[in-house]
């Protein structure tokens, strides 16, 4: 399945989608992106837990703050990409099933990174949606394997959580961790631990501040 990254497709899509999203979510609250300001020109792999249908767009908000002019490639299943074909022009990369799926994905992303070494890649190693309080998160090996194939690459752990508070829609909290430069290999356990810490930070914050979480989140950013 051929896909590509087109800023024009993204712009046209978001002209309608972002207002629609913000009517359904009580804000997207991102903090921690300043930790990646020092990164040199190299690929960035955003590794996040998977809590909702919105998650690819939450990573887009991280991308907008980190490298808005770089291409974004979010890995998603072939089935989902067939359901939403517009994502084909927005840089989504299909993950097929079968024994050669991981190699095919790595080859495709390596080609794209070869053309744009500043590319940002989004990956959800859980492989399916789970509550943010699930422990262990249950990461599969794909993200670690991909990082080793793309090395040198900057891996950025991202915690995601949606919390119903004082508005009909939930508030989306996104916490970005410090980048880790992978020059050779990285373990799945390390990636899972790094993302779990970010998610636990969000859950602890919401537990402490309750309905004041959004206001306090801005203050703590």
C-alpha atoms as a PDB file:
ATOM      1  CA  UNK A   1       0.000   0.000   0.000  1.00  0.00           C
ATOM      2  CA  UNK A   2       1.587   3.260  -1.125  1.00  0.00           C
ATOM      3  CA  UNK A   3       1.586   6.176   1.312  1.00  0.00           C
ATOM      4  CA  UNK A   4       3.334   9.555   1.344  1.00  0.00           C
ATOM      5  CA  UNK A   5       3.707  12.679   3.459  1.00  0.00           C
ATOM      6  CA  UNK A   6       2.061  15.820   2.094  1.00  0.00           C
ATOM      7  CA  UNK A   7       1.983  19.026   4.177  1.00  0.00           C
ATOM      8  CA  UNK A   8      -0.876  20.205   1.950  1.00  0.00           C
ATOM      9  CA  UNK A   9      -2.970  17.153   2.785  1.00  0.00           C
ATOM     10  CA  UNK A  10      -2.267  17.691   6.497  1.00  0.00           C
ATOM     11  CA  UNK A  11      -3.200  21.383   6.257  1.00  0.00           C
ATOM     12  CA  UNK A  12      -6.445  20.691   4.418  1.00  0.00           C
ATOM     13  CA  UNK A  13      -7.359  17.891   6.827  1.00  0.00           C
ATOM     14  CA  UNK A  14      -6.586  19.897   9.962  1.00  0.00           C
ATOM     15  CA  UNK A  15      -8.519  22.909   8.726  1.00  0.00           C
ATOM     16  CA  UNK A  16     -11.631  20.876   9.480  1.00  0.00           C
ATOM     17  CA  UNK A  17     -10.340  18.244  11.893  1.00  0.00           C
ATOM     18  CA  UNK A  18      -8.610  20.314  14.576  1.00  0.00           C
ATOM     19  CA  UNK A  19     -11.712  22.423  15.428  1.00  0.00           C
ATOM     20  CA  UNK A  20     -13.746  19.187  15.446  1.00  0.00           C
ATOM     21  CA  UNK A  21     -11.200  17.525  17.753  1.00  0.00           C
ATOM     22  CA  UNK A  22     -11.148  20.454  20.154  1.00  0.00           C
ATOM     23  CA  UNK A  23     -14.930  20.354  20.418  1.00  0.00           C
ATOM     24  CA  UNK A  24     -14.706  16.733  21.552  1.00  0.00           C
ATOM     25  CA  UNK A  25     -11.685  16.942  23.829  1.00  0.00           C
ATOM     26  CA  UNK A  26     -11.322  19.307  26.760  1.00  0.00           C
ATOM     27  CA  UNK A  27      -7.999  20.458  25.380  1.00  0.00           C
ATOM     28  CA  UNK A  28      -4.739  18.748  24.480  1.00  0.00           C
ATOM     29  CA  UNK A  29      -2.255  19.518  27.242  1.00  0.00           C
ATOM     30  CA  UNK A  30       1.359  18.856  26.267  1.00  0.00           C
ATOM     31  CA  UNK A  31       4.453  19.391  28.364  1.00  0.00           C
ATOM     32  CA  UNK A  32       8.098  18.360  28.176  1.00  0.00           C
ATOM     33  CA  UNK A  33       8.886  19.075  24.523  1.00  0.00           C
ATOM     34  CA  UNK A  34      11.609  21.526  25.556  1.00  0.00           C
ATOM     35  CA  UNK A  35      13.659  18.498  26.664  1.00  0.00           C
ATOM     36  CA  UNK A  36      14.273  17.723  22.988  1.00  0.00           C
ATOM     37  CA  UNK A  37      15.351  21.214  21.909  1.00  0.00           C
ATOM     38  CA  UNK A  38      19.005  20.184  21.802  1.00  0.00           C
ATOM     39  CA  UNK A  39      18.572  17.303  19.360  1.00  0.00           C
ATOM     40  CA  UNK A  40      20.762  17.356  16.241  1.00  0.00           C
ATOM     41  CA  UNK A  41      19.377  16.594  12.784  1.00  0.00           C
ATOM     42  CA  UNK A  42      18.569  12.914  13.095  1.00  0.00           C
ATOM     43  CA  UNK A  43      15.396  10.802  13.049  1.00  0.00           C
ATOM     44  CA  UNK A  44      13.129  11.006  16.098  1.00  0.00           C
ATOM     45  CA  UNK A  45      11.127   7.969  17.220  1.00  0.00           C
ATOM     46  CA  UNK A  46       8.175   8.876  19.457  1.00  0.00           C
ATOM     47  CA  UNK A  47       7.296   5.797  21.519  1.00  0.00           C
ATOM     48  CA  UNK A  48       3.958   6.054  23.336  1.00  0.00           C
ATOM     49  CA  UNK A  49       1.325   4.034  25.136  1.00  0.00           C
ATOM     50  CA  UNK A  50      -1.945   3.535  23.235  1.00  0.00           C
ATOM     51  CA  UNK A  51      -5.078   4.671  25.073  1.00  0.00           C
ATOM     52  CA  UNK A  52      -7.518   5.898  22.427  1.00  0.00           C
ATOM     53  CA  UNK A  53      -8.416   6.529  18.803  1.00  0.00           C
ATOM     54  CA  UNK A  54      -7.020  10.046  19.255  1.00  0.00           C
ATOM     55  CA  UNK A  55      -3.449   8.969  19.941  1.00  0.00           C
ATOM     56  CA  UNK A  56      -1.984   9.502  16.471  1.00  0.00           C
ATOM     57  CA  UNK A  57      -3.274  13.065  16.575  1.00  0.00           C
ATOM     58  CA  UNK A  58      -1.839  13.565  20.065  1.00  0.00           C
ATOM     59  CA  UNK A  59       1.558  12.615  18.666  1.00  0.00           C
ATOM     60  CA  UNK A  60       0.903  15.133  15.907  1.00  0.00           C
ATOM     61  CA  UNK A  61       0.657  17.798  18.637  1.00  0.00           C
ATOM     62  CA  UNK A  62       4.076  16.704  19.903  1.00  0.00           C
ATOM     63  CA  UNK A  63       5.401  16.814  16.334  1.00  0.00           C
ATOM     64  CA  UNK A  64       4.045  20.355  15.873  1.00  0.00           C
ATOM     65  CA  UNK A  65       6.090  21.497  18.872  1.00  0.00           C
ATOM     66  CA  UNK A  66       9.249  19.508  18.157  1.00  0.00           C
ATOM     67  CA  UNK A  67       9.724  19.654  14.385  1.00  0.00           C
ATOM     68  CA  UNK A  68       6.755  21.197  12.579  1.00  0.00           C
ATOM     69  CA  UNK A  69       8.585  21.364   9.251  1.00  0.00           C
ATOM     70  CA  UNK A  70       9.707  17.728   9.297  1.00  0.00           C
ATOM     71  CA  UNK A  71       7.616  14.855   7.917  1.00  0.00           C
ATOM     72  CA  UNK A  72       5.613  12.794  10.409  1.00  0.00           C
ATOM     73  CA  UNK A  73       5.163   9.055   9.898  1.00  0.00           C
ATOM     74  CA  UNK A  74       2.818   7.303  12.334  1.00  0.00           C
ATOM     75  CA  UNK A  75       2.823   3.517  12.142  1.00  0.00           C
ATOM     76  CA  UNK A  76      -0.692   2.065  11.935  1.00  0.00           C
ATOM     77  CA  UNK A  77      -2.257  -1.216  10.932  1.00  0.00           C
ATOM     78  CA  UNK A  78      -3.090  -1.860   7.306  1.00  0.00           C
ATOM     79  CA  UNK A  79      -6.711  -2.460   8.320  1.00  0.00           C
ATOM     80  CA  UNK A  80      -7.009   0.985   9.914  1.00  0.00           C
ATOM     81  CA  UNK A  81      -5.306   2.609   6.954  1.00  0.00           C
ATOM     82  CA  UNK A  82      -7.840   1.019   4.619  1.00  0.00           C
ATOM     83  CA  UNK A  83     -10.654   2.365   6.808  1.00  0.00           C
ATOM     84  CA  UNK A  84      -9.214   5.901   6.688  1.00  0.00           C
ATOM     85  CA  UNK A  85      -7.497   6.246   3.289  1.00  0.00           C
ATOM     86  CA  UNK A  86      -6.895   9.987   3.760  1.00  0.00           C
ATOM     87  CA  UNK A  87      -4.096   9.043   6.170  1.00  0.00           C
ATOM     88  CA  UNK A  88      -2.170   7.669   3.194  1.00  0.00           C
ATOM     89  CA  UNK A  89      -1.318  11.235   2.179  1.00  0.00           C
ATOM     90  CA  UNK A  90      -0.489  12.221   5.757  1.00  0.00           C
ATOM     91  CA  UNK A  91       2.591  10.056   6.130  1.00  0.00           C
ATOM     92  CA  UNK A  92       1.036   7.045   7.861  1.00  0.00           C
ATOM     93  CA  UNK A  93       3.065   3.875   7.373  1.00  0.00           C
ATOM     94  CA  UNK A  94       1.161   0.570   7.244  1.00  0.00           C
ATOM     95  CA  UNK A  95       2.145  -2.319   9.489  1.00  0.00           C
ATOM     96  CA  UNK A  96       1.191  -5.537   7.748  1.00  0.00           C
ATOM     97  CA  UNK A  97       0.714  -8.937   9.349  1.00  0.00           C
ATOM     98  CA  UNK A  98       2.907 -11.944   8.753  1.00  0.00           C
ATOM     99  CA  UNK A  99       6.503 -13.018   9.382  1.00  0.00           C
ATOM    100  CA  UNK A 100       8.060 -10.345   7.146  1.00  0.00           C
ATOM    101  CA  UNK A 101       5.967  -7.422   8.429  1.00  0.00           C
ATOM    102  CA  UNK A 102       8.635  -5.949  10.719  1.00  0.00           C
ATOM    103  CA  UNK A 103      11.335  -6.119   8.052  1.00  0.00           C
ATOM    104  CA  UNK A 104       9.059  -4.497   5.507  1.00  0.00           C
ATOM    105  CA  UNK A 105       8.194  -1.691   7.932  1.00  0.00           C
ATOM    106  CA  UNK A 106      11.839  -1.061   8.814  1.00  0.00           C
ATOM    107  CA  UNK A 107      12.809  -0.997   5.149  1.00  0.00           C
ATOM    108  CA  UNK A 108      10.056   1.492   4.304  1.00  0.00           C
ATOM    109  CA  UNK A 109      10.934   3.811   7.182  1.00  0.00           C
ATOM    110  CA  UNK A 110      14.657   3.591   6.452  1.00  0.00           C
ATOM    111  CA  UNK A 111      13.919   4.756   2.916  1.00  0.00           C
ATOM    112  CA  UNK A 112      11.889   7.715   4.168  1.00  0.00           C
ATOM    113  CA  UNK A 113      14.510   8.656   6.741  1.00  0.00           C
ATOM    114  CA  UNK A 114      17.110   8.454   3.991  1.00  0.00           C
ATOM    115  CA  UNK A 115      15.215  11.166   2.123  1.00  0.00           C
ATOM    116  CA  UNK A 116      14.512  13.239   5.256  1.00  0.00           C
ATOM    117  CA  UNK A 117      16.933  12.567   8.136  1.00  0.00           C
ATOM    118  CA  UNK A 118      14.906  14.920  10.367  1.00  0.00           C
ATOM    119  CA  UNK A 119      11.774  12.749  10.075  1.00  0.00           C
ATOM    120  CA  UNK A 120       9.573  12.086  13.115  1.00  0.00           C
ATOM    121  CA  UNK A 121       8.122   8.588  13.532  1.00  0.00           C
ATOM    122  CA  UNK A 122       5.285   7.642  15.882  1.00  0.00           C
ATOM    123  CA  UNK A 123       4.981   4.100  17.243  1.00  0.00           C
ATOM    124  CA  UNK A 124       2.635   2.407  19.732  1.00  0.00           C
ATOM    125  CA  UNK A 125       4.387  -0.773  20.938  1.00  0.00           C
ATOM    126  CA  UNK A 126       1.309  -2.110  22.771  1.00  0.00           C
ATOM    127  CA  UNK A 127      -0.195  -2.866  19.380  1.00  0.00           C
ATOM    128  CA  UNK A 128      -3.739  -2.157  20.555  1.00  0.00           C
ATOM    129  CA  UNK A 129      -5.631   0.193  22.850  1.00  0.00           C
ATOM    130  CA  UNK A 130      -5.367  -0.398  26.605  1.00  0.00           C
ATOM    131  CA  UNK A 131      -6.255   1.738  29.667  1.00  0.00           C
ATOM    132  CA  UNK A 132      -3.390   3.962  30.781  1.00  0.00           C
ATOM    133  CA  UNK A 133      -3.394   2.345  34.251  1.00  0.00           C
ATOM    134  CA  UNK A 134      -2.693  -1.143  32.861  1.00  0.00           C
ATOM    135  CA  UNK A 135       0.516  -2.603  34.304  1.00  0.00           C
ATOM    136  CA  UNK A 136       2.656  -3.774  32.793  1.00  0.00           C
ATOM    137  CA  UNK A 137       1.912  -1.779  29.662  1.00  0.00           C
ATOM    138  CA  UNK A 138       2.801  -4.865  27.646  1.00  0.00           C
ATOM    139  CA  UNK A 139       5.106  -3.581  24.912  1.00  0.00           C
ATOM    140  CA  UNK A 140       5.888  -5.801  21.957  1.00  0.00           C
ATOM    141  CA  UNK A 141       9.400  -5.898  20.517  1.00  0.00           C
ATOM    142  CA  UNK A 142       8.677  -3.879  17.369  1.00  0.00           C
ATOM    143  CA  UNK A 143       9.736  -0.438  18.618  1.00  0.00           C
ATOM    144  CA  UNK A 144      13.065  -1.644  20.006  1.00  0.00           C
ATOM    145  CA  UNK A 145      13.757  -3.621  16.854  1.00  0.00           C
ATOM    146  CA  UNK A 146      12.857  -0.622  14.690  1.00  0.00           C
ATOM    147  CA  UNK A 147      15.084   1.712  16.721  1.00  0.00           C
ATOM    148  CA  UNK A 148      18.044  -0.599  16.202  1.00  0.00           C
ATOM    149  CA  UNK A 149      17.411  -0.654  12.446  1.00  0.00           C
ATOM    150  CA  UNK A 150      17.123   3.143  12.212  1.00  0.00           C
ATOM    151  CA  UNK A 151      20.079   3.889  14.518  1.00  0.00           C
ATOM    152  CA  UNK A 152      21.416   6.408  15.112  1.00  0.00           C
ATOM    153  CA  UNK A 153      17.999   7.652  16.198  1.00  0.00           C
ATOM    154  CA  UNK A 154      16.628   9.758  19.069  1.00  0.00           C
ATOM    155  CA  UNK A 155      13.983   7.825  20.997  1.00  0.00           C
ATOM    156  CA  UNK A 156      11.513  10.055  22.850  1.00  0.00           C
ATOM    157  CA  UNK A 157       9.170   8.380  25.386  1.00  0.00           C
ATOM    158  CA  UNK A 158       5.661   9.855  25.454  1.00  0.00           C
ATOM    159  CA  UNK A 159       2.954   9.217  28.042  1.00  0.00           C
ATOM    160  CA  UNK A 160      -0.702   9.627  27.030  1.00  0.00           C
ATOM    161  CA  UNK A 161      -3.803   9.763  29.217  1.00  0.00           C
ATOM    162  CA  UNK A 162      -7.401  10.935  28.729  1.00  0.00           C
ATOM    163  CA  UNK A 163      -9.237  12.073  31.858  1.00  0.00           C
ATOM    164  CA  UNK A 164     -12.899  13.180  32.192  1.00  0.00           C
ATOM    165  CA  UNK A 165     -12.943  16.358  34.266  1.00  0.00           C
ATOM    166  CA  UNK A 166     -15.206  19.435  34.166  1.00  0.00           C
ATOM    167  CA  UNK A 167     -16.296  19.319  30.518  1.00  0.00           C
ATOM    168  CA  UNK A 168     -18.293  16.725  28.561  1.00  0.00           C
ATOM    169  CA  UNK A 169     -15.214  15.524  26.675  1.00  0.00           C
ATOM    170  CA  UNK A 170     -12.063  14.197  28.365  1.00  0.00           C
ATOM    171  CA  UNK A 171      -8.897  16.234  28.740  1.00  0.00           C
ATOM    172  CA  UNK A 172      -5.902  14.785  26.886  1.00  0.00           C
ATOM    173  CA  UNK A 173      -2.633  14.886  28.817  1.00  0.00           C
ATOM    174  CA  UNK A 174       0.637  14.323  26.972  1.00  0.00           C
ATOM    175  CA  UNK A 175       3.957  14.127  28.796  1.00  0.00           C
ATOM    176  CA  UNK A 176       7.164  14.045  26.760  1.00  0.00           C
ATOM    177  CA  UNK A 177      10.274  12.513  28.311  1.00  0.00           C
ATOM    178  CA  UNK A 178      13.948  13.189  27.728  1.00  0.00           C
ATOM    179  CA  UNK A 179      15.325  11.862  24.423  1.00  0.00           C
ATOM    180  CA  UNK A 180      17.650   8.874  24.432  1.00  0.00           C
ATOM    181  CA  UNK A 181      20.166   8.521  21.616  1.00  0.00           C
ATOM    182  CA  UNK A 182      20.214   4.967  20.281  1.00  0.00           C
ATOM    183  CA  UNK A 183      23.443   4.325  18.424  1.00  0.00           C
ATOM    184  CA  UNK A 184      23.160   0.546  18.343  1.00  0.00           C
ATOM    185  CA  UNK A 185      20.365  -1.205  20.232  1.00  0.00           C
ATOM    186  CA  UNK A 186      17.812  -0.540  22.966  1.00  0.00           C
ATOM    187  CA  UNK A 187      15.735  -3.034  24.930  1.00  0.00           C
ATOM    188  CA  UNK A 188      11.961  -3.344  24.943  1.00  0.00           C
ATOM    189  CA  UNK A 189      12.090  -3.330  28.753  1.00  0.00           C
ATOM    190  CA  UNK A 190      13.868   0.039  28.747  1.00  0.00           C
ATOM    191  CA  UNK A 191      11.338   1.564  26.363  1.00  0.00           C
ATOM    192  CA  UNK A 192       8.413   0.259  28.397  1.00  0.00           C
ATOM    193  CA  UNK A 193       9.906   1.541  31.639  1.00  0.00           C
ATOM    194  CA  UNK A 194      10.550   5.000  30.163  1.00  0.00           C
ATOM    195  CA  UNK A 195       6.981   5.333  28.874  1.00  0.00           C
ATOM    196  CA  UNK A 196       5.499   3.883  32.086  1.00  0.00           C
ATOM    197  CA  UNK A 197       7.285   6.586  34.084  1.00  0.00           C
ATOM    198  CA  UNK A 198       5.737   9.281  31.912  1.00  0.00           C
ATOM    199  CA  UNK A 199       2.250   7.779  32.248  1.00  0.00           C
ATOM    200  CA  UNK A 200       2.661   7.382  36.007  1.00  0.00           C
ATOM    201  CA  UNK A 201       3.644  11.055  36.241  1.00  0.00           C
ATOM    202  CA  UNK A 202       0.380  12.029  34.551  1.00  0.00           C
ATOM    203  CA  UNK A 203      -1.762   9.699  36.664  1.00  0.00           C
ATOM    204  CA  UNK A 204      -0.126  10.917  39.867  1.00  0.00           C
ATOM    205  CA  UNK A 205      -0.620  14.534  38.827  1.00  0.00           C
ATOM    206  CA  UNK A 206      -4.325  14.012  38.098  1.00  0.00           C
ATOM    207  CA  UNK A 207      -4.775  12.118  41.361  1.00  0.00           C
ATOM    208  CA  UNK A 208      -3.257  15.004  43.310  1.00  0.00           C
ATOM    209  CA  UNK A 209      -5.065  17.855  41.547  1.00  0.00           C
ATOM    210  CA  UNK A 210      -8.392  16.411  40.393  1.00  0.00           C
ATOM    211  CA  UNK A 211     -10.517  18.935  38.513  1.00  0.00           C
ATOM    212  CA  UNK A 212      -7.755  21.539  38.834  1.00  0.00           C
ATOM    213  CA  UNK A 213      -5.400  19.363  36.791  1.00  0.00           C
ATOM    214  CA  UNK A 214      -5.631  21.370  33.576  1.00  0.00           C
ATOM    215  CA  UNK A 215      -4.821  24.695  35.263  1.00  0.00           C
ATOM    216  CA  UNK A 216      -2.067  23.161  37.381  1.00  0.00           C
ATOM    217  CA  UNK A 217      -0.635  21.341  34.359  1.00  0.00           C
ATOM    218  CA  UNK A 218      -0.099  24.674  32.629  1.00  0.00           C
ATOM    219  CA  UNK A 219       1.587  26.066  35.739  1.00  0.00           C
ATOM    220  CA  UNK A 220       3.864  23.024  36.051  1.00  0.00           C
ATOM    221  CA  UNK A 221       4.865  23.008  32.365  1.00  0.00           C
END
